[in-house]
Every structure is written in structure tokens, then in C-alpha cells.
N, C-alpha and C. Protein backbone atom coordinates (compact mmCIF):
# COMPACT_ATOMS: atom_id res chain seq x y z
N MET A 1 0.84 -1.17 0.00
CA MET A 1 -0.02 0.02 0.11
C MET A 1 0.87 1.26 0.04
N THR A 2 0.43 2.24 -0.76
CA THR A 2 1.27 3.49 -0.83
C THR A 2 0.90 4.32 0.45
N ALA A 3 1.85 5.16 0.74
CA ALA A 3 1.60 6.13 1.92
C ALA A 3 0.28 6.75 1.94
N ASP A 4 -0.17 7.15 0.84
CA ASP A 4 -1.43 7.92 0.90
C ASP A 4 -2.81 7.03 0.89
N GLY A 5 -2.39 5.80 0.91
CA GLY A 5 -3.58 4.79 0.94
C GLY A 5 -4.42 4.60 -0.40
N ASN A 6 -3.71 4.98 -1.51
CA ASN A 6 -4.43 4.97 -2.92
C ASN A 6 -4.44 3.52 -3.27
N HIS A 7 -3.58 2.48 -3.05
CA HIS A 7 -3.51 1.19 -3.40
C HIS A 7 -4.63 0.45 -2.64
N PHE A 8 -4.72 0.63 -1.51
CA PHE A 8 -5.96 0.19 -0.66
C PHE A 8 -7.38 0.48 -1.23
N TYR A 9 -7.30 1.88 -1.60
CA TYR A 9 -8.60 2.36 -2.12
C TYR A 9 -8.91 1.77 -3.42
N ALA A 10 -8.02 1.51 -4.23
CA ALA A 10 -8.11 0.97 -5.55
C ALA A 10 -8.79 -0.57 -5.35
N ILE A 11 -8.30 -1.16 -4.60
CA ILE A 11 -8.62 -2.56 -4.16
C ILE A 11 -9.88 -2.69 -3.70
N CYS A 12 -10.52 -1.81 -3.06
CA CYS A 12 -11.79 -1.87 -2.32
C CYS A 12 -12.86 -1.42 -3.13
N MET A 13 -12.61 -0.67 -4.14
CA MET A 13 -13.55 -0.32 -5.28
C MET A 13 -14.10 -1.33 -5.95
N LYS A 14 -15.52 -1.57 -5.91
CA LYS A 14 -16.18 -2.45 -6.77
C LYS A 14 -17.09 -1.87 -7.81
N TYR A 15 -16.61 -2.20 -9.12
CA TYR A 15 -17.40 -1.66 -10.10
C TYR A 15 -18.48 -2.74 -10.63
N ILE A 16 -19.49 -2.14 -11.18
CA ILE A 16 -20.52 -3.05 -11.93
C ILE A 16 -20.50 -2.58 -13.29
N ALA A 17 -20.44 -3.45 -14.23
CA ALA A 17 -20.57 -3.17 -15.73
C ALA A 17 -21.92 -3.18 -16.09
N VAL A 18 -22.27 -2.09 -16.70
CA VAL A 18 -23.72 -2.06 -17.10
C VAL A 18 -23.75 -1.89 -18.73
N PHE A 19 -24.38 -2.99 -19.23
CA PHE A 19 -24.59 -2.88 -20.76
C PHE A 19 -26.02 -2.32 -20.88
N CYS A 20 -26.13 -1.46 -21.87
CA CYS A 20 -27.55 -0.83 -22.13
C CYS A 20 -27.45 -0.04 -23.41
N SER A 21 -28.51 0.43 -23.77
CA SER A 21 -28.76 1.23 -25.03
C SER A 21 -28.20 2.75 -24.75
N ALA A 22 -27.67 3.34 -26.00
CA ALA A 22 -27.23 4.68 -25.77
C ALA A 22 -28.29 5.45 -26.71
N ASN A 23 -29.49 4.72 -26.98
CA ASN A 23 -30.59 5.41 -27.51
C ASN A 23 -31.53 6.00 -26.47
N ASP A 24 -32.36 6.96 -26.87
CA ASP A 24 -33.41 7.50 -25.99
C ASP A 24 -34.64 6.48 -26.05
N VAL A 25 -35.04 6.03 -24.93
CA VAL A 25 -36.11 5.05 -24.95
C VAL A 25 -37.27 5.49 -24.08
N ALA A 26 -38.31 4.76 -24.09
CA ALA A 26 -39.60 5.10 -23.41
C ALA A 26 -39.38 5.23 -21.88
N ASP A 27 -40.16 5.88 -21.21
CA ASP A 27 -40.12 6.24 -19.75
C ASP A 27 -40.29 4.88 -19.01
N LYS A 28 -41.07 3.97 -19.49
CA LYS A 28 -41.23 2.58 -18.81
C LYS A 28 -39.74 1.86 -18.69
N TYR A 29 -38.81 2.10 -19.58
CA TYR A 29 -37.49 1.44 -19.43
C TYR A 29 -36.52 2.62 -18.59
N THR A 30 -36.69 3.95 -18.73
CA THR A 30 -35.71 4.81 -18.22
C THR A 30 -35.74 4.95 -16.68
N GLY A 31 -37.06 4.86 -16.26
CA GLY A 31 -37.44 4.88 -14.79
C GLY A 31 -36.60 3.66 -13.99
N PRO A 32 -36.83 2.50 -14.52
CA PRO A 32 -36.28 1.40 -13.76
C PRO A 32 -34.71 1.52 -13.78
N ALA A 33 -34.09 1.93 -15.10
CA ALA A 33 -32.77 1.93 -15.33
C ALA A 33 -32.19 3.11 -14.23
N ALA A 34 -32.89 4.29 -14.12
CA ALA A 34 -32.38 5.26 -13.17
C ALA A 34 -32.49 4.90 -11.76
N GLU A 35 -33.42 4.02 -11.53
CA GLU A 35 -33.59 3.57 -9.96
C GLU A 35 -32.39 2.59 -9.78
N PHE A 36 -32.13 1.63 -10.74
CA PHE A 36 -31.03 0.85 -10.58
C PHE A 36 -29.82 1.46 -10.44
N ALA A 37 -29.48 2.51 -11.33
CA ALA A 37 -28.34 3.26 -11.25
C ALA A 37 -28.19 3.90 -9.79
N GLY A 38 -29.20 4.45 -9.30
CA GLY A 38 -29.16 4.92 -7.97
C GLY A 38 -28.80 4.01 -6.90
N LEU A 39 -29.22 2.79 -7.07
CA LEU A 39 -29.02 1.70 -6.09
C LEU A 39 -27.51 1.31 -6.12
N ILE A 40 -27.11 1.36 -7.35
CA ILE A 40 -25.50 1.00 -7.71
C ILE A 40 -24.69 1.97 -6.61
N ALA A 41 -24.89 3.32 -6.64
CA ALA A 41 -24.27 4.13 -5.85
C ALA A 41 -24.45 4.03 -4.25
N LYS A 42 -25.87 3.78 -4.05
CA LYS A 42 -26.33 3.66 -2.75
C LYS A 42 -25.75 2.64 -2.01
N HIS A 43 -25.34 1.53 -2.82
CA HIS A 43 -24.73 0.20 -2.10
C HIS A 43 -23.22 0.39 -2.20
N GLY A 44 -22.65 1.34 -2.65
CA GLY A 44 -21.30 1.81 -2.49
C GLY A 44 -20.47 1.26 -3.72
N TYR A 45 -21.11 0.86 -4.86
CA TYR A 45 -20.41 0.47 -6.04
C TYR A 45 -20.24 1.45 -7.10
N HIS A 46 -19.41 1.29 -8.06
CA HIS A 46 -19.20 2.32 -9.09
C HIS A 46 -19.69 1.61 -10.36
N LEU A 47 -19.55 2.55 -11.45
CA LEU A 47 -19.98 2.14 -12.79
C LEU A 47 -18.97 2.02 -13.78
N VAL A 48 -18.78 1.10 -14.48
CA VAL A 48 -18.01 0.93 -15.75
C VAL A 48 -19.08 0.75 -16.93
N TRP A 49 -19.00 1.53 -17.90
CA TRP A 49 -20.06 1.49 -19.02
C TRP A 49 -19.50 2.02 -20.19
N GLY A 50 -20.20 1.99 -21.23
CA GLY A 50 -19.80 2.27 -22.54
C GLY A 50 -19.27 3.75 -22.87
N GLY A 51 -19.27 4.62 -21.85
CA GLY A 51 -18.66 5.85 -21.88
C GLY A 51 -19.74 6.94 -22.57
N SER A 52 -20.78 6.51 -22.90
CA SER A 52 -21.62 7.50 -23.73
C SER A 52 -22.53 8.39 -22.85
N ASP A 53 -22.73 9.67 -23.39
CA ASP A 53 -23.40 10.54 -22.56
C ASP A 53 -24.74 10.76 -23.42
N LYS A 54 -25.30 9.77 -23.77
CA LYS A 54 -26.51 9.79 -24.51
C LYS A 54 -27.47 8.68 -24.19
N GLY A 55 -28.77 8.93 -24.32
CA GLY A 55 -29.85 8.00 -24.04
C GLY A 55 -29.68 7.22 -22.67
N LEU A 56 -29.99 6.02 -22.65
CA LEU A 56 -30.16 5.27 -21.42
C LEU A 56 -28.66 5.27 -20.79
N MET A 57 -27.60 5.13 -21.49
CA MET A 57 -26.29 5.27 -20.80
C MET A 57 -25.99 6.55 -20.07
N LYS A 58 -26.50 7.58 -20.60
CA LYS A 58 -26.36 8.99 -20.00
C LYS A 58 -27.17 8.92 -18.65
N ILE A 59 -28.42 8.36 -18.79
CA ILE A 59 -29.34 8.20 -17.49
C ILE A 59 -28.60 7.53 -16.44
N VAL A 60 -28.00 6.50 -16.80
CA VAL A 60 -27.47 5.54 -15.90
C VAL A 60 -26.13 6.09 -15.28
N SER A 61 -25.37 6.78 -16.14
CA SER A 61 -24.06 7.34 -15.58
C SER A 61 -24.45 8.67 -14.66
N THR A 62 -25.39 9.35 -15.24
CA THR A 62 -25.76 10.50 -14.37
C THR A 62 -26.43 10.11 -12.96
N GLU A 63 -27.01 9.11 -12.81
CA GLU A 63 -27.59 8.65 -11.64
C GLU A 63 -26.54 8.11 -10.52
N VAL A 64 -25.75 7.30 -11.16
CA VAL A 64 -24.61 6.78 -10.44
C VAL A 64 -23.69 8.05 -9.92
N GLN A 65 -23.43 8.80 -10.73
CA GLN A 65 -22.56 9.99 -10.27
C GLN A 65 -23.32 10.96 -9.25
N ARG A 66 -24.65 11.17 -9.62
CA ARG A 66 -25.41 12.00 -8.56
C ARG A 66 -25.47 11.21 -7.29
N GLY A 67 -25.30 10.00 -7.13
CA GLY A 67 -25.36 9.19 -5.79
C GLY A 67 -23.95 9.14 -5.08
N GLY A 68 -23.00 9.68 -5.86
CA GLY A 68 -21.57 9.61 -5.34
C GLY A 68 -20.71 8.32 -6.00
N GLY A 69 -21.28 7.73 -6.81
CA GLY A 69 -20.34 6.73 -7.34
C GLY A 69 -19.44 7.14 -8.44
N LYS A 70 -18.31 6.40 -8.64
CA LYS A 70 -17.41 6.96 -9.63
C LYS A 70 -17.68 6.17 -11.07
N LEU A 71 -17.29 6.81 -12.13
CA LEU A 71 -17.53 6.52 -13.43
C LEU A 71 -16.37 6.09 -14.27
N ALA A 72 -16.32 5.06 -14.75
CA ALA A 72 -15.16 4.65 -15.53
C ALA A 72 -15.83 4.23 -16.99
N GLY A 73 -15.48 4.98 -18.03
CA GLY A 73 -16.14 4.77 -19.44
C GLY A 73 -15.10 4.08 -20.22
N VAL A 74 -15.56 3.29 -21.11
CA VAL A 74 -14.76 2.49 -22.14
C VAL A 74 -15.55 2.72 -23.46
N SER A 75 -14.91 3.82 -24.12
CA SER A 75 -15.40 4.37 -25.42
C SER A 75 -14.71 3.80 -26.53
N LEU A 76 -15.05 4.35 -27.91
CA LEU A 76 -14.30 3.98 -29.09
C LEU A 76 -14.10 5.45 -29.74
N ASP A 77 -13.08 5.57 -30.56
CA ASP A 77 -12.98 6.79 -31.33
C ASP A 77 -14.18 7.20 -31.98
N LEU A 78 -15.06 6.07 -32.42
CA LEU A 78 -16.15 6.30 -33.34
C LEU A 78 -17.17 7.14 -32.43
N PHE A 79 -17.23 7.02 -31.24
CA PHE A 79 -18.25 7.65 -30.22
C PHE A 79 -17.58 8.68 -29.59
N SER A 80 -16.47 9.28 -29.83
CA SER A 80 -15.80 10.33 -29.10
C SER A 80 -16.67 11.60 -28.92
N HIS A 81 -17.48 11.85 -29.78
CA HIS A 81 -18.34 12.94 -29.75
C HIS A 81 -19.50 12.97 -28.70
N ILE A 82 -19.79 11.66 -28.28
CA ILE A 82 -20.92 11.67 -27.31
C ILE A 82 -20.36 11.03 -25.93
N ALA A 83 -18.89 11.06 -25.90
CA ALA A 83 -18.45 10.65 -24.40
C ALA A 83 -18.73 11.52 -23.38
N LYS A 84 -18.95 10.92 -22.22
CA LYS A 84 -19.31 11.86 -21.03
C LYS A 84 -18.00 12.41 -20.63
N GLU A 85 -18.14 13.79 -20.50
CA GLU A 85 -16.87 14.50 -20.32
C GLU A 85 -16.73 14.49 -18.60
N SER A 86 -17.62 14.24 -17.86
CA SER A 86 -17.49 14.37 -16.40
C SER A 86 -17.18 13.03 -15.87
N ALA A 87 -16.81 12.03 -16.68
CA ALA A 87 -16.46 10.61 -16.18
C ALA A 87 -15.07 10.77 -15.40
N ASP A 88 -15.02 10.06 -14.31
CA ASP A 88 -13.67 9.96 -13.58
C ASP A 88 -12.71 9.41 -14.37
N GLU A 89 -12.99 8.45 -15.19
CA GLU A 89 -11.99 7.78 -15.97
C GLU A 89 -12.69 7.43 -17.41
N MET A 90 -11.82 7.59 -18.45
CA MET A 90 -12.38 7.40 -19.86
C MET A 90 -11.20 6.81 -20.56
N VAL A 91 -11.40 5.67 -21.14
CA VAL A 91 -10.39 4.99 -22.02
C VAL A 91 -10.92 4.88 -23.27
N VAL A 92 -10.24 4.68 -24.28
CA VAL A 92 -10.52 4.56 -25.76
C VAL A 92 -10.28 3.04 -26.07
N ALA A 93 -11.00 2.26 -26.48
CA ALA A 93 -10.68 0.95 -27.01
C ALA A 93 -10.46 1.03 -28.48
N LYS A 94 -9.83 0.16 -29.01
CA LYS A 94 -9.52 0.17 -30.54
C LYS A 94 -10.56 -0.46 -31.40
N ASP A 95 -11.47 -1.36 -30.67
CA ASP A 95 -12.61 -1.93 -31.42
C ASP A 95 -13.54 -2.38 -30.22
N LEU A 96 -14.63 -3.02 -30.76
CA LEU A 96 -15.67 -3.42 -30.01
C LEU A 96 -15.23 -4.65 -29.00
N GLY A 97 -14.52 -5.50 -29.62
CA GLY A 97 -14.03 -6.61 -28.83
C GLY A 97 -13.17 -6.16 -27.68
N GLU A 98 -12.15 -5.25 -27.97
CA GLU A 98 -11.31 -4.71 -26.91
C GLU A 98 -12.26 -4.09 -25.89
N ARG A 99 -13.20 -3.34 -26.13
CA ARG A 99 -14.18 -2.68 -25.35
C ARG A 99 -14.81 -3.57 -24.34
N LYS A 100 -15.27 -4.76 -24.93
CA LYS A 100 -16.00 -5.66 -24.02
C LYS A 100 -14.97 -6.22 -22.94
N SER A 101 -13.74 -6.60 -23.47
CA SER A 101 -12.81 -7.22 -22.79
C SER A 101 -12.36 -6.27 -21.58
N MET A 102 -12.16 -4.88 -21.87
CA MET A 102 -11.75 -3.95 -20.95
C MET A 102 -12.97 -3.70 -19.84
N MET A 103 -14.06 -3.75 -20.22
CA MET A 103 -15.13 -3.66 -19.39
C MET A 103 -15.34 -4.81 -18.32
N LEU A 104 -15.12 -5.85 -18.95
CA LEU A 104 -15.18 -7.22 -18.13
C LEU A 104 -14.12 -7.11 -16.93
N ALA A 105 -12.82 -6.90 -17.53
CA ALA A 105 -11.75 -6.81 -16.63
C ALA A 105 -11.84 -5.85 -15.60
N LYS A 106 -12.54 -4.69 -15.76
CA LYS A 106 -12.62 -3.70 -14.77
C LYS A 106 -13.74 -3.98 -13.79
N CYS A 107 -14.57 -4.86 -13.96
CA CYS A 107 -15.76 -5.05 -13.16
C CYS A 107 -15.80 -6.25 -12.21
N GLU A 108 -16.73 -6.16 -11.29
CA GLU A 108 -16.86 -7.38 -10.36
C GLU A 108 -18.17 -8.15 -10.55
N ALA A 109 -19.12 -7.33 -11.36
CA ALA A 109 -20.30 -7.89 -11.67
C ALA A 109 -20.92 -7.32 -13.07
N ILE A 110 -22.00 -7.90 -13.59
CA ILE A 110 -22.22 -7.26 -14.79
C ILE A 110 -23.82 -7.26 -14.66
N ALA A 111 -24.47 -6.08 -15.14
CA ALA A 111 -25.86 -5.82 -15.25
C ALA A 111 -26.30 -5.46 -16.64
N VAL A 112 -27.41 -6.07 -17.09
CA VAL A 112 -27.78 -5.85 -18.47
C VAL A 112 -28.94 -5.34 -18.37
N LEU A 113 -29.13 -3.97 -19.05
CA LEU A 113 -30.59 -3.31 -18.86
C LEU A 113 -31.09 -3.40 -20.45
N VAL A 114 -31.98 -2.77 -20.75
CA VAL A 114 -32.60 -2.97 -22.14
C VAL A 114 -31.66 -2.36 -23.01
N GLY A 115 -31.64 -2.93 -24.22
CA GLY A 115 -30.72 -2.46 -25.22
C GLY A 115 -31.10 -3.28 -26.60
N GLY A 116 -30.32 -2.78 -27.69
CA GLY A 116 -30.62 -3.45 -28.94
C GLY A 116 -29.50 -4.33 -29.29
N LEU A 117 -29.05 -4.35 -30.54
CA LEU A 117 -27.91 -5.15 -31.14
C LEU A 117 -26.59 -5.20 -30.40
N GLY A 118 -26.27 -3.96 -30.16
CA GLY A 118 -25.00 -3.81 -29.47
C GLY A 118 -25.06 -4.38 -28.01
N THR A 119 -26.03 -4.21 -27.43
CA THR A 119 -26.26 -4.78 -25.91
C THR A 119 -26.09 -6.19 -26.17
N PHE A 120 -26.97 -6.88 -27.02
CA PHE A 120 -27.07 -8.18 -27.45
C PHE A 120 -25.77 -8.83 -27.59
N ASP A 121 -24.91 -8.22 -28.44
CA ASP A 121 -23.56 -8.46 -28.90
C ASP A 121 -22.56 -8.70 -27.53
N GLU A 122 -22.74 -7.62 -26.81
CA GLU A 122 -21.91 -7.57 -25.52
C GLU A 122 -22.26 -8.66 -24.52
N VAL A 123 -23.50 -8.96 -24.38
CA VAL A 123 -23.90 -9.88 -23.41
C VAL A 123 -23.68 -11.25 -23.89
N ALA A 124 -23.68 -11.50 -25.22
CA ALA A 124 -23.51 -12.80 -25.70
C ALA A 124 -22.17 -13.25 -25.39
N GLN A 125 -21.15 -12.32 -25.61
CA GLN A 125 -19.68 -12.62 -25.29
C GLN A 125 -19.65 -12.97 -23.84
N ILE A 126 -20.14 -12.07 -23.07
CA ILE A 126 -19.95 -12.19 -21.63
C ILE A 126 -20.57 -13.53 -21.17
N LEU A 127 -21.71 -13.92 -21.64
CA LEU A 127 -22.27 -15.24 -21.24
C LEU A 127 -21.38 -16.37 -21.74
N GLU A 128 -20.86 -16.26 -23.07
CA GLU A 128 -20.03 -17.56 -23.55
C GLU A 128 -18.73 -17.50 -22.74
N LEU A 129 -18.29 -16.32 -22.32
CA LEU A 129 -16.96 -16.48 -21.52
C LEU A 129 -17.06 -17.10 -20.20
N LYS A 130 -18.32 -16.81 -19.61
CA LYS A 130 -18.73 -17.36 -18.27
C LYS A 130 -19.02 -18.99 -18.46
N LYS A 131 -19.53 -19.17 -19.54
CA LYS A 131 -19.89 -20.75 -19.94
C LYS A 131 -18.59 -21.47 -20.04
N LEU A 132 -17.54 -20.76 -20.61
CA LEU A 132 -16.33 -21.45 -20.74
C LEU A 132 -15.32 -21.28 -19.60
N GLY A 133 -15.78 -20.71 -18.50
CA GLY A 133 -15.06 -20.54 -17.31
C GLY A 133 -13.99 -19.58 -17.30
N VAL A 134 -14.01 -18.54 -18.21
CA VAL A 134 -12.96 -17.61 -18.36
C VAL A 134 -13.33 -16.58 -17.05
N HIS A 135 -14.30 -16.30 -16.77
CA HIS A 135 -14.84 -15.58 -15.47
C HIS A 135 -15.98 -16.19 -14.82
N ASN A 136 -16.19 -15.92 -13.52
CA ASN A 136 -17.31 -16.30 -12.85
C ASN A 136 -17.97 -15.19 -12.07
N LYS A 137 -17.93 -14.05 -12.84
CA LYS A 137 -18.68 -12.81 -12.30
C LYS A 137 -20.21 -12.94 -12.35
N PRO A 138 -20.95 -12.48 -11.46
CA PRO A 138 -22.44 -12.54 -11.55
C PRO A 138 -23.03 -11.65 -12.61
N VAL A 139 -23.85 -12.24 -13.37
CA VAL A 139 -24.52 -11.59 -14.58
C VAL A 139 -26.01 -11.50 -14.44
N VAL A 140 -26.49 -10.42 -14.20
CA VAL A 140 -28.10 -10.28 -14.02
C VAL A 140 -28.65 -9.22 -15.12
N PHE A 141 -29.77 -9.73 -15.71
CA PHE A 141 -30.53 -8.95 -16.51
C PHE A 141 -31.58 -8.30 -15.90
N LEU A 142 -31.76 -6.94 -15.84
CA LEU A 142 -33.00 -6.39 -15.45
C LEU A 142 -34.20 -6.45 -16.36
N ASN A 143 -34.96 -7.43 -16.10
CA ASN A 143 -36.06 -7.71 -17.16
C ASN A 143 -37.09 -6.79 -17.10
N THR A 144 -36.99 -5.54 -17.21
CA THR A 144 -37.95 -4.65 -17.12
C THR A 144 -39.07 -4.70 -18.30
N GLU A 145 -40.41 -4.68 -17.79
CA GLU A 145 -41.38 -4.81 -18.65
C GLU A 145 -41.44 -6.30 -19.50
N ASN A 146 -40.69 -7.09 -18.96
CA ASN A 146 -40.55 -8.52 -19.47
C ASN A 146 -39.68 -8.42 -20.92
N PHE A 147 -38.95 -7.36 -20.94
CA PHE A 147 -37.94 -7.16 -22.22
C PHE A 147 -37.34 -8.40 -22.57
N TYR A 148 -36.80 -9.19 -21.64
CA TYR A 148 -35.87 -10.20 -21.93
C TYR A 148 -36.74 -11.65 -21.73
N GLU A 149 -37.92 -11.78 -21.73
CA GLU A 149 -38.65 -12.95 -21.76
C GLU A 149 -38.23 -13.86 -22.86
N GLY A 150 -38.13 -13.29 -24.25
CA GLY A 150 -37.75 -14.19 -25.23
C GLY A 150 -36.41 -14.68 -25.07
N LEU A 151 -35.46 -13.96 -24.57
CA LEU A 151 -34.08 -14.50 -24.35
C LEU A 151 -34.16 -15.58 -23.27
N LYS A 152 -34.85 -15.50 -22.19
CA LYS A 152 -34.90 -16.39 -21.25
C LYS A 152 -35.45 -17.73 -21.81
N ILE A 153 -36.52 -17.60 -22.58
CA ILE A 153 -37.00 -19.02 -23.24
C ILE A 153 -35.88 -19.31 -24.23
N GLN A 154 -35.22 -18.60 -24.84
CA GLN A 154 -34.20 -19.15 -25.93
C GLN A 154 -33.13 -19.74 -25.10
N LEU A 155 -32.67 -19.13 -24.04
CA LEU A 155 -31.51 -19.78 -23.30
C LEU A 155 -31.87 -21.14 -22.71
N GLN A 156 -33.02 -21.12 -22.19
CA GLN A 156 -33.54 -22.34 -21.67
C GLN A 156 -33.66 -23.71 -22.69
N LYS A 157 -34.33 -23.11 -23.99
CA LYS A 157 -34.14 -24.05 -25.08
C LYS A 157 -32.70 -24.64 -25.31
N MET A 158 -31.82 -23.63 -25.39
CA MET A 158 -30.30 -23.99 -25.68
C MET A 158 -30.02 -24.95 -24.70
N ARG A 159 -30.27 -24.80 -23.31
CA ARG A 159 -29.96 -25.71 -22.20
C ARG A 159 -30.57 -26.93 -22.41
N ASP A 160 -31.88 -27.07 -22.62
CA ASP A 160 -32.65 -28.32 -22.70
C ASP A 160 -32.13 -29.13 -23.78
N ASP A 161 -31.68 -28.33 -24.99
CA ASP A 161 -31.38 -29.17 -26.31
C ASP A 161 -29.87 -29.37 -26.47
N GLY A 162 -29.13 -29.19 -25.08
CA GLY A 162 -27.68 -29.62 -25.09
C GLY A 162 -26.70 -28.61 -25.67
N PHE A 163 -27.16 -27.43 -25.83
CA PHE A 163 -26.03 -26.41 -26.51
C PHE A 163 -25.45 -25.52 -25.29
N VAL A 164 -26.02 -25.49 -24.20
CA VAL A 164 -25.48 -24.92 -22.95
C VAL A 164 -25.28 -25.86 -22.02
N ASN A 165 -24.07 -26.07 -21.59
CA ASN A 165 -23.62 -27.19 -20.66
C ASN A 165 -23.67 -26.75 -19.05
N LYS A 166 -24.00 -25.68 -18.80
CA LYS A 166 -24.18 -25.17 -17.35
C LYS A 166 -25.62 -25.06 -17.06
N PRO A 167 -26.13 -25.26 -15.88
CA PRO A 167 -27.45 -24.69 -15.46
C PRO A 167 -27.48 -23.33 -15.56
N LEU A 168 -28.63 -22.82 -16.11
CA LEU A 168 -28.81 -21.42 -16.30
C LEU A 168 -28.54 -20.54 -15.08
N GLY A 169 -29.15 -21.02 -14.02
CA GLY A 169 -28.76 -20.52 -12.59
C GLY A 169 -27.46 -20.19 -12.36
N GLU A 170 -26.66 -20.88 -12.81
CA GLU A 170 -25.18 -20.65 -12.64
C GLU A 170 -24.47 -19.58 -13.77
N LEU A 171 -25.31 -19.44 -14.76
CA LEU A 171 -24.84 -18.54 -15.82
C LEU A 171 -25.33 -17.27 -15.65
N VAL A 172 -26.61 -17.07 -15.51
CA VAL A 172 -27.32 -15.78 -15.50
C VAL A 172 -28.43 -15.71 -14.64
N TYR A 173 -28.82 -14.39 -14.24
CA TYR A 173 -30.17 -14.37 -13.25
C TYR A 173 -30.95 -13.14 -13.91
N PHE A 174 -32.27 -13.30 -14.00
CA PHE A 174 -33.06 -12.32 -14.44
C PHE A 174 -33.92 -11.86 -13.29
N ALA A 175 -33.80 -10.56 -13.12
CA ALA A 175 -34.39 -9.73 -12.11
C ALA A 175 -35.70 -8.92 -12.60
N ASP A 176 -36.61 -9.04 -11.93
CA ASP A 176 -37.93 -8.28 -12.34
C ASP A 176 -37.78 -6.70 -11.95
N THR A 177 -37.25 -6.45 -10.88
CA THR A 177 -37.01 -5.19 -10.36
C THR A 177 -35.58 -4.62 -10.02
N PRO A 178 -35.30 -3.38 -10.11
CA PRO A 178 -34.05 -2.75 -9.79
C PRO A 178 -33.61 -3.38 -8.33
N GLN A 179 -34.47 -3.37 -7.48
CA GLN A 179 -34.10 -3.89 -6.15
C GLN A 179 -33.62 -5.33 -5.95
N GLU A 180 -34.46 -6.15 -6.62
CA GLU A 180 -33.84 -7.63 -7.13
C GLU A 180 -32.61 -7.78 -7.67
N ALA A 181 -32.45 -6.88 -8.65
CA ALA A 181 -31.14 -7.07 -9.45
C ALA A 181 -29.92 -6.49 -8.44
N ILE A 182 -29.98 -5.55 -7.64
CA ILE A 182 -28.81 -5.06 -6.88
C ILE A 182 -28.62 -6.09 -5.72
N ARG A 183 -29.79 -6.71 -5.20
CA ARG A 183 -29.73 -7.62 -4.14
C ARG A 183 -29.08 -8.72 -4.56
N TYR A 184 -29.25 -9.25 -5.83
CA TYR A 184 -28.68 -10.54 -6.42
C TYR A 184 -27.04 -10.31 -6.59
N ILE A 185 -26.69 -8.92 -6.98
CA ILE A 185 -25.34 -8.79 -7.15
C ILE A 185 -24.66 -8.58 -5.76
N SER A 186 -25.22 -7.99 -4.88
CA SER A 186 -24.73 -7.74 -3.42
C SER A 186 -24.49 -9.15 -2.82
N ASP A 187 -25.50 -10.04 -3.09
CA ASP A 187 -25.37 -11.20 -2.35
C ASP A 187 -24.25 -12.14 -3.01
N LYS A 188 -24.08 -12.19 -4.19
CA LYS A 188 -23.18 -12.83 -4.89
C LYS A 188 -21.71 -12.16 -4.47
N LEU A 189 -21.61 -10.99 -4.54
CA LEU A 189 -20.18 -10.24 -4.21
C LEU A 189 -19.73 -10.47 -2.71
N ALA A 190 -20.86 -10.59 -1.80
CA ALA A 190 -20.50 -10.87 -0.36
C ALA A 190 -19.85 -12.26 -0.21
N LYS A 191 -20.06 -13.16 -1.23
CA LYS A 191 -19.55 -14.48 -0.98
C LYS A 191 -18.13 -14.64 -1.66
N THR A 192 -17.74 -13.49 -2.28
CA THR A 192 -16.30 -13.68 -2.86
C THR A 192 -15.19 -13.08 -2.02
């Protein structure tokens, strides 16, 4: 540990990676996302996210920051014009693959909020890496308005038909509320 305690501080900081849309979406999605982000900060966690100051990503980062949490963004040159300037840390990845790897390396847990193809791409890799044993970090989907019901069904079919060799409960958890999602993460991290 350094004389000023920075090494200890860095070890104690726990980040949650949040994958979600950078698009503006309906209030039925923004409200629960903002609530979950507030709970991240309230429970003493910090945020690693795609670095955008737009859409749902902006809402989540703003709420975490408002609650006293730190922000670590992982952006791309392609998105530099929408990067959040008030982030505590911002790095630029060379491509989407490196971005996902950097976010995974920085976090202790992963939360997936509503999103489109980019979010789907990100979470597919995170789940595959968990299935392969590359990481064992908790992964929770905030299933706002049953947004991920189709994915739940598809994952179960993959498991039932032999394409996923782990019980789904070991791979992923679907939470119906922000409180349930943060409780799941906190319970899992308390055991590590």
C-alpha cells in the first residue's frame, strides 16, 4: 500500500459493468434504469459503462454520479463526440472486442439493462466467456417490462437441447425489479 492509501482504495472499489442502450427510450424503461443506477451508488458500487453521454447510458451514468459513485467509461473513437466529459476515467478501446474485454476486466459484476443489437452482442460474449469458465462474475438482466422474456426462453431451449452445458442459474439471473437486481449482485459479491 502507498503512503497515501491509494492502493488500498483501488482494491476496495467494486465496479458493476452496465450494458444498455445509448438510444433514447420510453419512460417505462428509463425509470427502472435510473432507479437501478441510484442503487448502484447507494450500495457503494461504481460504474463501468460504454462511456456515452446519450440515451439510457447517460441516464445510468448521471444517476450513479449523482449518488456519489465513480464512473469509468470505455469508449471508441467512433463515439468520442458523445463521450461523457465528467467521467472519472475514460479510456478508448481500439474496437468493440477490446471494449468488451476492458469492461469485463474492470468489473466485479455485470448488469444488463434494455438495449438493442449492441447490447445483445456484448452480453452474448460475456455469457459465452462465463460458460467457458473464463470468468465467474455474476450476470444479471434487469427484465424491465418483460423485455428479456424471449431471451430467457431461448436460453432455456439451448440448455434443454444440449447447447449450453451449465445450469442457467449458474450462468445468468433475471431480475424483475431494480431492487432484486442489486440484491442479487450484492449477495453474490458478499460470497467472494
